[in-house]
PDB file of N, CA and C in Angstrom:
ATOM      1  N   MET A   1      72.411  88.449 119.557  1.00  0.00           N
ATOM      2  CA  MET A   1      71.112  88.391 120.182  1.00  0.00           C
ATOM      3  C   MET A   1      71.118  87.437 121.380  1.00  0.00           C
ATOM      4  N   GLU A   2      71.896  86.427 121.347  1.00  0.00           N
ATOM      5  CA  GLU A   2      71.953  85.476 122.454  1.00  0.00           C
ATOM      6  C   GLU A   2      72.372  86.160 123.751  1.00  0.00           C
ATOM      7  N   ASP A   3      73.235  87.175 123.686  1.00  0.00           N
ATOM      8  CA  ASP A   3      73.631  87.890 124.895  1.00  0.00           C
ATOM      9  C   ASP A   3      72.424  88.538 125.553  1.00  0.00           C
ATOM     10  N   GLY A   4      71.557  89.116 124.746  1.00  0.00           N
ATOM     11  CA  GLY A   4      70.347  89.733 125.281  1.00  0.00           C
ATOM     12  C   GLY A   4      69.423  88.713 125.910  1.00  0.00           C
ATOM     13  N   VAL A   5      69.304  87.552 125.303  1.00  0.00           N
ATOM     14  CA  VAL A   5      68.449  86.496 125.840  1.00  0.00           C
ATOM     15  C   VAL A   5      69.036  85.977 127.142  1.00  0.00           C
ATOM     16  N   ALA A   6      70.340  85.890 127.227  1.00  0.00           N
ATOM     17  CA  ALA A   6      70.987  85.386 128.434  1.00  0.00           C
ATOM     18  C   ALA A   6      70.724  86.283 129.629  1.00  0.00           C
ATOM     19  N   ARG A   7      70.488  87.574 129.411  1.00  0.00           N
ATOM     20  CA  ARG A   7      70.235  88.505 130.513  1.00  0.00           C
ATOM     21  C   ARG A   7      68.826  88.382 131.075  1.00  0.00           C
ATOM     22  N   ILE A   8      67.929  87.727 130.360  1.00  0.00           N
ATOM     23  CA  ILE A   8      66.559  87.537 130.836  1.00  0.00           C
ATOM     24  C   ILE A   8      66.562  86.357 131.800  1.00  0.00           C
ATOM     25  N   ARG A   9      65.889  86.513 132.915  1.00  0.00           N
ATOM     26  CA  ARG A   9      65.845  85.424 133.887  1.00  0.00           C
ATOM     27  C   ARG A   9      65.226  84.190 133.245  1.00  0.00           C
ATOM     28  N   PRO A  10      65.782  83.022 133.514  1.00  0.00           N
ATOM     29  CA  PRO A  10      65.297  81.785 132.877  1.00  0.00           C
ATOM     30  C   PRO A  10      63.807  81.548 133.057  1.00  0.00           C
ATOM     31  N   GLU A  11      63.235  81.887 134.205  1.00  0.00           N
ATOM     32  CA  GLU A  11      61.819  81.630 134.423  1.00  0.00           C
ATOM     33  C   GLU A  11      60.922  82.573 133.633  1.00  0.00           C
ATOM     34  N   GLU A  12      61.499  83.617 133.038  1.00  0.00           N
ATOM     35  CA  GLU A  12      60.712  84.584 132.279  1.00  0.00           C
ATOM     36  C   GLU A  12      60.848  84.438 130.778  1.00  0.00           C
ATOM     37  N   ARG A  13      61.568  83.485 130.317  1.00  0.00           N
ATOM     38  CA  ARG A  13      61.744  83.364 128.870  1.00  0.00           C
ATOM     39  C   ARG A  13      61.222  82.029 128.351  1.00  0.00           C
ATOM     40  N   SER A  14      60.883  82.043 127.098  1.00  0.00           N
ATOM     41  CA  SER A  14      60.468  80.814 126.436  1.00  0.00           C
ATOM     42  C   SER A  14      61.697  79.949 126.209  1.00  0.00           C
ATOM     43  N   GLN A  15      61.461  78.771 125.808  1.00  0.00           N
ATOM     44  CA  GLN A  15      62.569  77.865 125.530  1.00  0.00           C
ATOM     45  C   GLN A  15      63.215  78.148 124.179  1.00  0.00           C
ATOM     46  N   ARG A  16      62.643  79.097 123.442  1.00  0.00           N
ATOM     47  CA  ARG A  16      63.190  79.428 122.134  1.00  0.00           C
ATOM     48  C   ARG A  16      62.872  80.881 121.809  1.00  0.00           C
ATOM     49  N   LEU A  17      63.573  81.418 120.855  1.00  0.00           N
ATOM     50  CA  LEU A  17      63.280  82.761 120.365  1.00  0.00           C
ATOM     51  C   LEU A  17      62.139  82.676 119.367  1.00  0.00           C
ATOM     52  N   GLY A  18      61.345  83.694 119.310  1.00  0.00           N
ATOM     53  CA  GLY A  18      60.254  83.732 118.345  1.00  0.00           C
ATOM     54  C   GLY A  18      60.772  83.867 116.924  1.00  0.00           C
ATOM     55  N   GLU A  19      59.985  83.409 116.005  1.00  0.00           N
ATOM     56  CA  GLU A  19      60.316  83.516 114.583  1.00  0.00           C
ATOM     57  C   GLU A  19      59.668  84.767 114.003  1.00  0.00           C
ATOM     58  N   VAL A  20      60.266  85.290 112.963  1.00  0.00           N
ATOM     59  CA  VAL A  20      59.731  86.474 112.297  1.00  0.00           C
ATOM     60  C   VAL A  20      58.291  86.228 111.856  1.00  0.00           C
ATOM     61  N   ALA A  21      58.018  85.064 111.336  1.00  0.00           N
ATOM     62  CA  ALA A  21      56.671  84.742 110.858  1.00  0.00           C
ATOM     63  C   ALA A  21      55.639  84.809 111.984  1.00  0.00           C
ATOM     64  N   GLU A  22      56.059  84.575 113.214  1.00  0.00           N
ATOM     65  CA  GLU A  22      55.137  84.612 114.343  1.00  0.00           C
ATOM     66  C   GLU A  22      54.733  86.045 114.698  1.00  0.00           C
ATOM     67  N   LEU A  23      55.505  87.000 114.286  1.00  0.00           N
ATOM     68  CA  LEU A  23      55.182  88.408 114.519  1.00  0.00           C
ATOM     69  C   LEU A  23      54.434  89.028 113.355  1.00  0.00           C
ATOM     70  N   ALA A  24      54.315  88.308 112.283  1.00  0.00           N
ATOM     71  CA  ALA A  24      53.734  88.851 111.054  1.00  0.00           C
ATOM     72  C   ALA A  24      52.313  89.361 111.248  1.00  0.00           C
ATOM     73  N   GLY A  25      51.499  88.672 112.029  1.00  0.00           N
ATOM     74  CA  GLY A  25      50.128  89.106 112.244  1.00  0.00           C
ATOM     75  C   GLY A  25      50.064  90.450 112.947  1.00  0.00           C
ATOM     76  N   THR A  26      50.915  90.642 113.937  1.00  0.00           N
ATOM     77  CA  THR A  26      50.961  91.912 114.657  1.00  0.00           C
ATOM     78  C   THR A  26      51.409  93.031 113.742  1.00  0.00           C
ATOM     79  N   VAL A  27      52.446  92.776 112.981  1.00  0.00           N
ATOM     80  CA  VAL A  27      52.958  93.786 112.050  1.00  0.00           C
ATOM     81  C   VAL A  27      51.920  94.111 110.991  1.00  0.00           C
ATOM     82  N   ARG A  28      51.256  93.078 110.469  1.00  0.00           N
ATOM     83  CA  ARG A  28      50.224  93.276 109.451  1.00  0.00           C
ATOM     84  C   ARG A  28      49.088  94.143 110.009  1.00  0.00           C
ATOM     85  N   PHE A  29      48.678  93.865 111.256  1.00  0.00           N
ATOM     86  CA  PHE A  29      47.632  94.673 111.880  1.00  0.00           C
ATOM     87  C   PHE A  29      48.066  96.128 112.014  1.00  0.00           C
ATOM     88  N   LEU A  30      49.253  96.357 112.536  1.00  0.00           N
ATOM     89  CA  LEU A  30      49.721  97.731 112.742  1.00  0.00           C
ATOM     90  C   LEU A  30      49.879  98.493 111.439  1.00  0.00           C
ATOM     91  N   ALA A  31      50.191  97.791 110.372  1.00  0.00           N
ATOM     92  CA  ALA A  31      50.375  98.440 109.069  1.00  0.00           C
ATOM     93  C   ALA A  31      49.051  98.617 108.324  1.00  0.00           C
ATOM     94  N   SER A  32      47.986  98.027 108.839  1.00  0.00           N
ATOM     95  CA  SER A  32      46.701  98.075 108.126  1.00  0.00           C
ATOM     96  C   SER A  32      45.834  99.228 108.603  1.00  0.00           C
ATOM     97  N   ASP A  33      44.783  99.490 107.852  1.00  0.00           N
ATOM     98  CA  ASP A  33      43.806 100.503 108.239  1.00  0.00           C
ATOM     99  C   ASP A  33      43.031 100.095 109.490  1.00  0.00           C
ATOM    100  N   ASP A  34      43.019  98.804 109.831  1.00  0.00           N
ATOM    101  CA  ASP A  34      42.314  98.340 111.024  1.00  0.00           C
ATOM    102  C   ASP A  34      42.896  98.909 112.316  1.00  0.00           C
ATOM    103  N   SER A  35      44.126  99.367 112.266  1.00  0.00           N
ATOM    104  CA  SER A  35      44.766  99.893 113.480  1.00  0.00           C
ATOM    105  C   SER A  35      44.614 101.406 113.599  1.00  0.00           C
ATOM    106  N   TYR A  36      43.711 101.999 112.826  1.00  0.00           N
ATOM    107  CA  TYR A  36      43.578 103.462 112.810  1.00  0.00           C
ATOM    108  C   TYR A  36      43.281 104.047 114.186  1.00  0.00           C
ATOM    109  N   SER A  37      42.601 103.326 115.045  1.00  0.00           N
ATOM    110  CA  SER A  37      42.268 103.878 116.357  1.00  0.00           C
ATOM    111  C   SER A  37      43.225 103.411 117.454  1.00  0.00           C
ATOM    112  N   THR A  38      44.266 102.712 117.066  1.00  0.00           N
ATOM    113  CA  THR A  38      45.265 102.260 118.034  1.00  0.00           C
ATOM    114  C   THR A  38      46.323 103.342 118.150  1.00  0.00           C
ATOM    115  N   THR A  39      46.211 104.146 119.187  1.00  0.00           N
ATOM    116  CA  THR A  39      47.160 105.243 119.378  1.00  0.00           C
ATOM    117  C   THR A  39      47.660 105.225 120.812  1.00  0.00           C
ATOM    118  N   GLY A  40      48.905 105.553 120.988  1.00  0.00           N
ATOM    119  CA  GLY A  40      49.475 105.636 122.319  1.00  0.00           C
ATOM    120  C   GLY A  40      49.409 104.338 123.101  1.00  0.00           C
ATOM    121  N   SER A  41      49.500 103.226 122.404  1.00  0.00           N
ATOM    122  CA  SER A  41      49.389 101.926 123.052  1.00  0.00           C
ATOM    123  C   SER A  41      50.663 101.131 122.871  1.00  0.00           C
ATOM    124  N   GLU A  42      50.871 100.215 123.776  1.00  0.00           N
ATOM    125  CA  GLU A  42      51.961  99.255 123.641  1.00  0.00           C
ATOM    126  C   GLU A  42      51.348  97.903 123.327  1.00  0.00           C
ATOM    127  N   LEU A  43      51.785  97.288 122.263  1.00  0.00           N
ATOM    128  CA  LEU A  43      51.364  95.931 121.952  1.00  0.00           C
ATOM    129  C   LEU A  43      52.497  95.016 122.404  1.00  0.00           C
ATOM    130  N   ILE A  44      52.210  94.193 123.350  1.00  0.00           N
ATOM    131  CA  ILE A  44      53.241  93.298 123.880  1.00  0.00           C
ATOM    132  C   ILE A  44      53.089  91.946 123.192  1.00  0.00           C
ATOM    133  N   VAL A  45      54.128  91.548 122.519  1.00  0.00           N
ATOM    134  CA  VAL A  45      54.151  90.256 121.835  1.00  0.00           C
ATOM    135  C   VAL A  45      55.219  89.439 122.553  1.00  0.00           C
ATOM    136  N   ASP A  46      54.787  88.642 123.535  1.00  0.00           N
ATOM    137  CA  ASP A  46      55.750  87.968 124.389  1.00  0.00           C
ATOM    138  C   ASP A  46      55.412  86.506 124.682  1.00  0.00           C
ATOM    139  N   ASP A  47      54.750  85.871 123.760  1.00  0.00           N
ATOM    140  CA  ASP A  47      54.443  84.444 123.915  1.00  0.00           C
ATOM    141  C   ASP A  47      53.505  84.191 125.087  1.00  0.00           C
ATOM    142  N   GLY A  48      52.677  85.186 125.425  1.00  0.00           N
ATOM    143  CA  GLY A  48      51.695  85.019 126.476  1.00  0.00           C
ATOM    144  C   GLY A  48      52.246  85.074 127.892  1.00  0.00           C
ATOM    145  N   ARG A  49      53.430  85.615 128.065  1.00  0.00           N
ATOM    146  CA  ARG A  49      54.053  85.658 129.383  1.00  0.00           C
ATOM    147  C   ARG A  49      53.457  86.711 130.300  1.00  0.00           C
ATOM    148  N   THR A  50      52.799  87.724 129.765  1.00  0.00           N
ATOM    149  CA  THR A  50      52.249  88.761 130.640  1.00  0.00           C
ATOM    150  C   THR A  50      50.743  88.755 130.578  1.00  0.00           C
TER     151      THR A  50
END
């Protein structure tokens, strides 16, 4: 995975990789009935970079 991180320009990356637990809320939402109307969308989880 470090090779992939190295290819990202330094100014565009966080100082660390995200933890699995930090993505849990997004995954929980997508797996829940609350996401029933979320179709054809991209959810970007990028530490607020975009």
